[in-house]
Amino acid sequence: MKIGILTFHRVYNYGAVLQSYALQKVIKQLGYDVEIIDYWCDYIYRPYSIENFKTKSFTDYIMGICGRIIYNFRKKKQKDFKSRFNIAQK
């Protein structure tokens, strides 16, 4: 029997990756064929993009800019995580 695991594991969090891997290993040990189905949410990968705001209010625009600044500070952590797990950009 083939089992698909729908998961959102490509966040910048080692726990999410380890949890997906552990679940896959346990199900394989039970004798099933396992495949991880990678859920990809564009909002998560570009959370502070101006395009994600549906309204064009000034507050949303400023929040987008502030979010972009915070996002840029996280770039090094994300780059390190991607290089360790060979995650390609979509």
PDB file of N, CA and C in Angstrom:
ATOM      1  N   MET A   1       0.840  -1.170   0.000  1.00  0.00           N
ATOM      2  CA  MET A   1       0.000   0.000   0.000  1.00  0.00           C
ATOM      3  C   MET A   1       0.887   1.235   0.000  1.00  0.00           C
ATOM      4  N   LYS A   2       0.530   2.217  -0.798  1.00  0.00           N
ATOM      5  CA  LYS A   2       1.293   3.447  -0.888  1.00  0.00           C
ATOM      6  C   LYS A   2       0.621   4.516  -0.027  1.00  0.00           C
ATOM      7  N   ILE A   3       1.425   5.213   0.782  1.00  0.00           N
ATOM      8  CA  ILE A   3       0.919   6.260   1.660  1.00  0.00           C
ATOM      9  C   ILE A   3       1.597   7.566   1.297  1.00  0.00           C
ATOM     10  N   GLY A   4       0.812   8.610   1.146  1.00  0.00           N
ATOM     11  CA  GLY A   4       1.340   9.939   0.873  1.00  0.00           C
ATOM     12  C   GLY A   4       1.232  10.799   2.123  1.00  0.00           C
ATOM     13  N   ILE A   5       2.292  11.477   2.453  1.00  0.00           N
ATOM     14  CA  ILE A   5       2.303  12.384   3.590  1.00  0.00           C
ATOM     15  C   ILE A   5       2.303  13.802   3.037  1.00  0.00           C
ATOM     16  N   LEU A   6       1.183  14.489   3.195  1.00  0.00           N
ATOM     17  CA  LEU A   6       1.089  15.882   2.761  1.00  0.00           C
ATOM     18  C   LEU A   6       1.608  16.737   3.899  1.00  0.00           C
ATOM     19  N   THR A   7       2.708  17.423   3.662  1.00  0.00           N
ATOM     20  CA  THR A   7       3.343  18.169   4.738  1.00  0.00           C
ATOM     21  C   THR A   7       3.889  19.492   4.248  1.00  0.00           C
ATOM     22  N   PHE A   8       3.992  20.392   5.174  1.00  0.00           N
ATOM     23  CA  PHE A   8       4.577  21.702   4.925  1.00  0.00           C
ATOM     24  C   PHE A   8       5.880  21.728   5.705  1.00  0.00           C
ATOM     25  N   HIS A   9       6.908  21.101   5.135  1.00  0.00           N
ATOM     26  CA  HIS A   9       8.155  20.927   5.867  1.00  0.00           C
ATOM     27  C   HIS A   9       9.295  21.806   5.376  1.00  0.00           C
ATOM     28  N   ARG A  10       9.076  22.589   4.369  1.00  0.00           N
ATOM     29  CA  ARG A  10      10.163  23.427   3.856  1.00  0.00           C
ATOM     30  C   ARG A  10      10.190  24.808   4.496  1.00  0.00           C
ATOM     31  N   VAL A  11       9.841  24.879   5.738  1.00  0.00           N
ATOM     32  CA  VAL A  11       9.998  26.119   6.479  1.00  0.00           C
ATOM     33  C   VAL A  11      11.412  26.135   7.028  1.00  0.00           C
ATOM     34  N   TYR A  12      11.853  27.254   7.506  1.00  0.00           N
ATOM     35  CA  TYR A  12      13.218  27.346   8.003  1.00  0.00           C
ATOM     36  C   TYR A  12      13.226  26.923   9.466  1.00  0.00           C
ATOM     37  N   ASN A  13      13.010  25.634   9.653  1.00  0.00           N
ATOM     38  CA  ASN A  13      12.868  25.079  10.984  1.00  0.00           C
ATOM     39  C   ASN A  13      13.323  23.627  10.912  1.00  0.00           C
ATOM     40  N   TYR A  14      14.340  23.289  11.659  1.00  0.00           N
ATOM     41  CA  TYR A  14      14.869  21.931  11.623  1.00  0.00           C
ATOM     42  C   TYR A  14      13.858  20.919  12.153  1.00  0.00           C
ATOM     43  N   GLY A  15      13.029  21.322  13.106  1.00  0.00           N
ATOM     44  CA  GLY A  15      12.038  20.414  13.675  1.00  0.00           C
ATOM     45  C   GLY A  15      11.043  19.918  12.643  1.00  0.00           C
ATOM     46  N   ALA A  16      10.627  20.788  11.726  1.00  0.00           N
ATOM     47  CA  ALA A  16       9.669  20.394  10.691  1.00  0.00           C
ATOM     48  C   ALA A  16      10.277  19.347   9.766  1.00  0.00           C
ATOM     49  N   VAL A  17      11.534  19.538   9.409  1.00  0.00           N
ATOM     50  CA  VAL A  17      12.217  18.580   8.537  1.00  0.00           C
ATOM     51  C   VAL A  17      12.401  17.246   9.253  1.00  0.00           C
ATOM     52  N   LEU A  18      12.837  17.307  10.508  1.00  0.00           N
ATOM     53  CA  LEU A  18      13.057  16.077  11.267  1.00  0.00           C
ATOM     54  C   LEU A  18      11.756  15.318  11.511  1.00  0.00           C
ATOM     55  N   GLN A  19      10.675  16.047  11.759  1.00  0.00           N
ATOM     56  CA  GLN A  19       9.384  15.389  11.979  1.00  0.00           C
ATOM     57  C   GLN A  19       8.920  14.671  10.717  1.00  0.00           C
ATOM     58  N   SER A  20       9.079  15.291   9.562  1.00  0.00           N
ATOM     59  CA  SER A  20       8.696  14.658   8.299  1.00  0.00           C
ATOM     60  C   SER A  20       9.530  13.404   8.050  1.00  0.00           C
ATOM     61  N   TYR A  21      10.816  13.518   8.308  1.00  0.00           N
ATOM     62  CA  TYR A  21      11.719  12.386   8.101  1.00  0.00           C
ATOM     63  C   TYR A  21      11.381  11.234   9.050  1.00  0.00           C
ATOM     64  N   ALA A  22      11.139  11.557  10.314  1.00  0.00           N
ATOM     65  CA  ALA A  22      10.831  10.517  11.307  1.00  0.00           C
ATOM     66  C   ALA A  22       9.521   9.806  10.967  1.00  0.00           C
ATOM     67  N   LEU A  23       8.504  10.564  10.572  1.00  0.00           N
ATOM     68  CA  LEU A  23       7.232   9.941  10.208  1.00  0.00           C
ATOM     69  C   LEU A  23       7.402   9.014   9.007  1.00  0.00           C
ATOM     70  N   GLN A  24       8.176   9.463   8.030  1.00  0.00           N
ATOM     71  CA  GLN A  24       8.437   8.635   6.856  1.00  0.00           C
ATOM     72  C   GLN A  24       9.142   7.335   7.246  1.00  0.00           C
ATOM     73  N   LYS A  25      10.147   7.431   8.111  1.00  0.00           N
ATOM     74  CA  LYS A  25      10.884   6.238   8.540  1.00  0.00           C
ATOM     75  C   LYS A  25       9.987   5.252   9.282  1.00  0.00           C
ATOM     76  N   VAL A  26       9.144   5.742  10.174  1.00  0.00           N
ATOM     77  CA  VAL A  26       8.258   4.862  10.951  1.00  0.00           C
ATOM     78  C   VAL A  26       7.269   4.149  10.037  1.00  0.00           C
ATOM     79  N   ILE A  27       6.701   4.866   9.091  1.00  0.00           N
ATOM     80  CA  ILE A  27       5.736   4.246   8.180  1.00  0.00           C
ATOM     81  C   ILE A  27       6.428   3.217   7.291  1.00  0.00           C
ATOM     82  N   LYS A  28       7.656   3.499   6.868  1.00  0.00           N
ATOM     83  CA  LYS A  28       8.414   2.513   6.078  1.00  0.00           C
ATOM     84  C   LYS A  28       8.687   1.258   6.906  1.00  0.00           C
ATOM     85  N   GLN A  29       9.007   1.441   8.190  1.00  0.00           N
ATOM     86  CA  GLN A  29       9.262   0.293   9.060  1.00  0.00           C
ATOM     87  C   GLN A  29       8.008  -0.564   9.248  1.00  0.00           C
ATOM     88  N   LEU A  30       6.848   0.042   9.098  1.00  0.00           N
ATOM     89  CA  LEU A  30       5.597  -0.708   9.185  1.00  0.00           C
ATOM     90  C   LEU A  30       5.303  -1.471   7.894  1.00  0.00           C
ATOM     91  N   GLY A  31       6.135  -1.267   6.871  1.00  0.00           N
ATOM     92  CA  GLY A  31       6.016  -2.037   5.639  1.00  0.00           C
ATOM     93  C   GLY A  31       5.264  -1.351   4.509  1.00  0.00           C
ATOM     94  N   TYR A  32       5.060  -0.057   4.617  1.00  0.00           N
ATOM     95  CA  TYR A  32       4.331   0.663   3.573  1.00  0.00           C
ATOM     96  C   TYR A  32       5.291   1.432   2.675  1.00  0.00           C
ATOM     97  N   ASP A  33       4.825   1.702   1.456  1.00  0.00           N
ATOM     98  CA  ASP A  33       5.573   2.537   0.521  1.00  0.00           C
ATOM     99  C   ASP A  33       5.153   3.981   0.799  1.00  0.00           C
ATOM    100  N   VAL A  34       6.108   4.841   1.117  1.00  0.00           N
ATOM    101  CA  VAL A  34       5.807   6.199   1.561  1.00  0.00           C
ATOM    102  C   VAL A  34       6.351   7.230   0.580  1.00  0.00           C
ATOM    103  N   GLU A  35       5.558   8.260   0.366  1.00  0.00           N
ATOM    104  CA  GLU A  35       6.006   9.386  -0.444  1.00  0.00           C
ATOM    105  C   GLU A  35       5.605  10.662   0.269  1.00  0.00           C
ATOM    106  N   ILE A  36       6.554  11.596   0.389  1.00  0.00           N
ATOM    107  CA  ILE A  36       6.247  12.896   0.982  1.00  0.00           C
ATOM    108  C   ILE A  36       5.785  13.827  -0.127  1.00  0.00           C
ATOM    109  N   ILE A  37       4.621  14.401   0.064  1.00  0.00           N
ATOM    110  CA  ILE A  37       4.056  15.363  -0.884  1.00  0.00           C
ATOM    111  C   ILE A  37       4.328  16.746  -0.305  1.00  0.00           C
ATOM    112  N   ASP A  38       5.142  17.512  -0.988  1.00  0.00           N
ATOM    113  CA  ASP A  38       5.581  18.814  -0.491  1.00  0.00           C
ATOM    114  C   ASP A  38       4.533  19.876  -0.764  1.00  0.00           C
ATOM    115  N   TYR A  39       3.953  20.412   0.296  1.00  0.00           N
ATOM    116  CA  TYR A  39       3.002  21.519   0.166  1.00  0.00           C
ATOM    117  C   TYR A  39       3.805  22.798   0.047  1.00  0.00           C
ATOM    118  N   TRP A  40       3.496  23.601  -0.927  1.00  0.00           N
ATOM    119  CA  TRP A  40       4.232  24.824  -1.184  1.00  0.00           C
ATOM    120  C   TRP A  40       3.271  26.001  -1.130  1.00  0.00           C
ATOM    121  N   CYS A  41       3.477  26.900  -0.211  1.00  0.00           N
ATOM    122  CA  CYS A  41       2.617  28.063  -0.058  1.00  0.00           C
ATOM    123  C   CYS A  41       3.405  29.310  -0.433  1.00  0.00           C
ATOM    124  N   ASP A  42       2.995  29.977  -1.485  1.00  0.00           N
ATOM    125  CA  ASP A  42       3.728  31.140  -1.979  1.00  0.00           C
ATOM    126  C   ASP A  42       3.806  32.240  -0.929  1.00  0.00           C
ATOM    127  N   TYR A  43       2.752  32.390  -0.130  1.00  0.00           N
ATOM    128  CA  TYR A  43       2.765  33.442   0.875  1.00  0.00           C
ATOM    129  C   TYR A  43       3.893  33.236   1.891  1.00  0.00           C
ATOM    130  N   ILE A  44       4.164  32.004   2.242  1.00  0.00           N
ATOM    131  CA  ILE A  44       5.210  31.724   3.219  1.00  0.00           C
ATOM    132  C   ILE A  44       6.596  32.030   2.643  1.00  0.00           C
ATOM    133  N   TYR A  45       6.797  31.779   1.376  1.00  0.00           N
ATOM    134  CA  TYR A  45       8.105  32.001   0.784  1.00  0.00           C
ATOM    135  C   TYR A  45       8.336  33.438   0.354  1.00  0.00           C
ATOM    136  N   ARG A  46       7.272  34.201   0.255  1.00  0.00           N
ATOM    137  CA  ARG A  46       7.394  35.626  -0.035  1.00  0.00           C
ATOM    138  C   ARG A  46       6.423  36.379   0.874  1.00  0.00           C
ATOM    139  N   PRO A  47       6.609  36.266   2.191  1.00  0.00           N
ATOM    140  CA  PRO A  47       5.599  36.778   3.119  1.00  0.00           C
ATOM    141  C   PRO A  47       5.454  38.288   3.119  1.00  0.00           C
ATOM    142  N   TYR A  48       6.495  39.000   2.780  1.00  0.00           N
ATOM    143  CA  TYR A  48       6.437  40.450   2.881  1.00  0.00           C
ATOM    144  C   TYR A  48       6.404  41.121   1.519  1.00  0.00           C
ATOM    145  N   SER A  49       6.009  40.362   0.526  1.00  0.00           N
ATOM    146  CA  SER A  49       5.894  40.916  -0.809  1.00  0.00           C
ATOM    147  C   SER A  49       4.673  41.833  -0.876  1.00  0.00           C
ATOM    148  N   ILE A  50       4.829  42.932  -1.524  1.00  0.00           N
ATOM    149  CA  ILE A  50       3.724  43.881  -1.666  1.00  0.00           C
ATOM    150  C   ILE A  50       2.543  43.217  -2.384  1.00  0.00           C
ATOM    151  N   GLU A  51       2.824  42.260  -3.273  1.00  0.00           N
ATOM    152  CA  GLU A  51       1.756  41.595  -4.024  1.00  0.00           C
ATOM    153  C   GLU A  51       0.825  40.791  -3.132  1.00  0.00           C
ATOM    154  N   ASN A  52       1.279  40.418  -1.930  1.00  0.00           N
ATOM    155  CA  ASN A  52       0.440  39.634  -1.040  1.00  0.00           C
ATOM    156  C   ASN A  52      -0.656  40.462  -0.379  1.00  0.00           C
ATOM    157  N   PHE A  53      -0.521  41.753  -0.415  1.00  0.00           N
ATOM    158  CA  PHE A  53      -1.560  42.601   0.164  1.00  0.00           C
ATOM    159  C   PHE A  53      -2.656  42.835  -0.874  1.00  0.00           C
ATOM    160  N   LYS A  54      -3.887  42.516  -0.502  1.00  0.00           N
ATOM    161  CA  LYS A  54      -4.999  42.681  -1.431  1.00  0.00           C
ATOM    162  C   LYS A  54      -5.488  44.115  -1.439  1.00  0.00           C
ATOM    163  N   THR A  55      -5.376  44.795  -0.300  1.00  0.00           N
ATOM    164  CA  THR A  55      -5.774  46.201  -0.251  1.00  0.00           C
ATOM    165  C   THR A  55      -4.539  47.046  -0.488  1.00  0.00           C
ATOM    166  N   LYS A  56      -4.756  48.258  -0.901  1.00  0.00           N
ATOM    167  CA  LYS A  56      -3.631  49.127  -1.199  1.00  0.00           C
ATOM    168  C   LYS A  56      -3.583  50.296  -0.214  1.00  0.00           C
ATOM    169  N   SER A  57      -3.901  50.014   1.043  1.00  0.00           N
ATOM    170  CA  SER A  57      -3.872  51.082   2.037  1.00  0.00           C
ATOM    171  C   SER A  57      -2.424  51.422   2.387  1.00  0.00           C
ATOM    172  N   PHE A  58      -2.240  52.589   2.900  1.00  0.00           N
ATOM    173  CA  PHE A  58      -0.912  53.049   3.288  1.00  0.00           C
ATOM    174  C   PHE A  58      -0.338  52.171   4.397  1.00  0.00           C
ATOM    175  N   THR A  59      -1.181  51.783   5.335  1.00  0.00           N
ATOM    176  CA  THR A  59      -0.734  50.937   6.449  1.00  0.00           C
ATOM    177  C   THR A  59      -0.198  49.608   5.927  1.00  0.00           C
ATOM    178  N   ASP A  60      -0.906  48.996   4.998  1.00  0.00           N
ATOM    179  CA  ASP A  60      -0.441  47.737   4.424  1.00  0.00           C
ATOM    180  C   ASP A  60       0.888  47.926   3.705  1.00  0.00           C
ATOM    181  N   TYR A  61       1.026  49.033   3.022  1.00  0.00           N
ATOM    182  CA  TYR A  61       2.265  49.304   2.298  1.00  0.00           C
ATOM    183  C   TYR A  61       3.436  49.434   3.270  1.00  0.00           C
ATOM    184  N   ILE A  62       3.251  50.203   4.343  1.00  0.00           N
ATOM    185  CA  ILE A  62       4.301  50.393   5.340  1.00  0.00           C
ATOM    186  C   ILE A  62       4.629  49.067   6.026  1.00  0.00           C
ATOM    187  N   MET A  63       3.611  48.286   6.349  1.00  0.00           N
ATOM    188  CA  MET A  63       3.846  46.980   6.965  1.00  0.00           C
ATOM    189  C   MET A  63       4.650  46.083   6.029  1.00  0.00           C
ATOM    190  N   GLY A  64       4.373  46.170   4.749  1.00  0.00           N
ATOM    191  CA  GLY A  64       5.122  45.389   3.771  1.00  0.00           C
ATOM    192  C   GLY A  64       6.585  45.776   3.735  1.00  0.00           C
ATOM    193  N   ILE A  65       6.841  47.065   3.803  1.00  0.00           N
ATOM    194  CA  ILE A  65       8.230  47.543   3.793  1.00  0.00           C
ATOM    195  C   ILE A  65       8.947  47.108   5.071  1.00  0.00           C
ATOM    196  N   CYS A  66       8.305  47.272   6.218  1.00  0.00           N
ATOM    197  CA  CYS A  66       8.915  46.854   7.495  1.00  0.00           C
ATOM    198  C   CYS A  66       9.159  45.344   7.492  1.00  0.00           C
ATOM    199  N   GLY A  67       8.202  44.606   6.986  1.00  0.00           N
ATOM    200  CA  GLY A  67       8.361  43.163   6.909  1.00  0.00           C
ATOM    201  C   GLY A  67       9.515  42.771   6.015  1.00  0.00           C
ATOM    202  N   ARG A  68       9.701  43.520   4.934  1.00  0.00           N
ATOM    203  CA  ARG A  68      10.794  43.231   4.007  1.00  0.00           C
ATOM    204  C   ARG A  68      12.144  43.446   4.685  1.00  0.00           C
ATOM    205  N   ILE A  69      12.227  44.464   5.517  1.00  0.00           N
ATOM    206  CA  ILE A  69      13.468  44.722   6.256  1.00  0.00           C
ATOM    207  C   ILE A  69      13.761  43.562   7.198  1.00  0.00           C
ATOM    208  N   ILE A  70      12.741  43.100   7.919  1.00  0.00           N
ATOM    209  CA  ILE A  70      12.910  41.958   8.830  1.00  0.00           C
ATOM    210  C   ILE A  70      13.308  40.718   8.039  1.00  0.00           C
ATOM    211  N   TYR A  71      12.658  40.522   6.901  1.00  0.00           N
ATOM    212  CA  TYR A  71      12.946  39.366   6.060  1.00  0.00           C
ATOM    213  C   TYR A  71      14.413  39.358   5.617  1.00  0.00           C
ATOM    214  N   ASN A  72      14.945  40.530   5.275  1.00  0.00           N
ATOM    215  CA  ASN A  72      16.335  40.608   4.829  1.00  0.00           C
ATOM    216  C   ASN A  72      17.307  40.218   5.927  1.00  0.00           C
ATOM    217  N   PHE A  73      16.957  40.494   7.178  1.00  0.00           N
ATOM    218  CA  PHE A  73      17.815  40.082   8.287  1.00  0.00           C
ATOM    219  C   PHE A  73      17.831  38.564   8.443  1.00  0.00           C
ATOM    220  N   ARG A  74      16.778  37.897   8.000  1.00  0.00           N
ATOM    221  CA  ARG A  74      16.699  36.442   8.117  1.00  0.00           C
ATOM    222  C   ARG A  74      17.351  35.716   6.943  1.00  0.00           C
ATOM    223  N   LYS A  75      17.820  36.432   5.959  1.00  0.00           N
ATOM    224  CA  LYS A  75      18.386  35.817   4.753  1.00  0.00           C
ATOM    225  C   LYS A  75      19.535  34.851   5.051  1.00  0.00           C
ATOM    226  N   LYS A  76      20.436  35.234   5.948  1.00  0.00           N
ATOM    227  CA  LYS A  76      21.582  34.377   6.226  1.00  0.00           C
ATOM    228  C   LYS A  76      21.138  33.046   6.804  1.00  0.00           C
ATOM    229  N   LYS A  77      20.198  33.068   7.732  1.00  0.00           N
ATOM    230  CA  LYS A  77      19.689  31.836   8.329  1.00  0.00           C
ATOM    231  C   LYS A  77      19.035  30.960   7.263  1.00  0.00           C
ATOM    232  N   GLN A  78      18.256  31.564   6.405  1.00  0.00           N
ATOM    233  CA  GLN A  78      17.572  30.812   5.355  1.00  0.00           C
ATOM    234  C   GLN A  78      18.566  30.227   4.362  1.00  0.00           C
ATOM    235  N   LYS A  79      19.582  30.999   4.001  1.00  0.00           N
ATOM    236  CA  LYS A  79      20.585  30.516   3.047  1.00  0.00           C
ATOM    237  C   LYS A  79      21.336  29.317   3.617  1.00  0.00           C
ATOM    238  N   ASP A  80      21.679  29.384   4.901  1.00  0.00           N
ATOM    239  CA  ASP A  80      22.370  28.281   5.569  1.00  0.00           C
ATOM    240  C   ASP A  80      21.495  27.033   5.594  1.00  0.00           C
ATOM    241  N   PHE A  81      20.216  27.220   5.918  1.00  0.00           N
ATOM    242  CA  PHE A  81      19.283  26.092   5.978  1.00  0.00           C
ATOM    243  C   PHE A  81      19.134  25.437   4.607  1.00  0.00           C
ATOM    244  N   LYS A  82      18.975  26.254   3.570  1.00  0.00           N
ATOM    245  CA  LYS A  82      18.814  25.725   2.218  1.00  0.00           C
ATOM    246  C   LYS A  82      20.046  24.954   1.768  1.00  0.00           C
ATOM    247  N   SER A  83      21.223  25.479   2.090  1.00  0.00           N
ATOM    248  CA  SER A  83      22.441  24.808   1.648  1.00  0.00           C
ATOM    249  C   SER A  83      22.628  23.467   2.370  1.00  0.00           C
ATOM    250  N   ARG A  84      22.227  23.375   3.614  1.00  0.00           N
ATOM    251  CA  ARG A  84      22.367  22.121   4.349  1.00  0.00           C
ATOM    252  C   ARG A  84      21.441  21.032   3.832  1.00  0.00           C
ATOM    253  N   PHE A  85      20.267  21.405   3.384  1.00  0.00           N
ATOM    254  CA  PHE A  85      19.285  20.426   2.942  1.00  0.00           C
ATOM    255  C   PHE A  85      19.088  20.413   1.433  1.00  0.00           C
ATOM    256  N   ASN A  86      19.920  21.154   0.699  1.00  0.00           N
ATOM    257  CA  ASN A  86      19.845  21.206  -0.767  1.00  0.00           C
ATOM    258  C   ASN A  86      18.433  21.538  -1.248  1.00  0.00           C
ATOM    259  N   ILE A  87      17.861  22.562  -0.679  1.00  0.00           N
ATOM    260  CA  ILE A  87      16.512  22.988  -1.064  1.00  0.00           C
ATOM    261  C   ILE A  87      16.626  23.992  -2.200  1.00  0.00           C
ATOM    262  N   ALA A  88      15.954  23.691  -3.290  1.00  0.00           N
ATOM    263  CA  ALA A  88      15.986  24.590  -4.441  1.00  0.00           C
ATOM    264  C   ALA A  88      14.881  25.624  -4.308  1.00  0.00           C
ATOM    265  N   GLN A  89      15.130  26.789  -4.834  1.00  0.00           N
ATOM    266  CA  GLN A  89      14.107  27.828  -4.856  1.00  0.00           C
ATOM    267  C   GLN A  89      13.062  27.485  -5.889  1.00  0.00           C
ATOM    268  N   LYS A  90      11.834  27.813  -5.605  1.00  0.00           N
ATOM    269  CA  LYS A  90      10.755  27.587  -6.567  1.00  0.00           C
ATOM    270  C   LYS A  90      10.535  28.826  -7.369  1.00  0.00           C
TER     271      LYS A  90
END
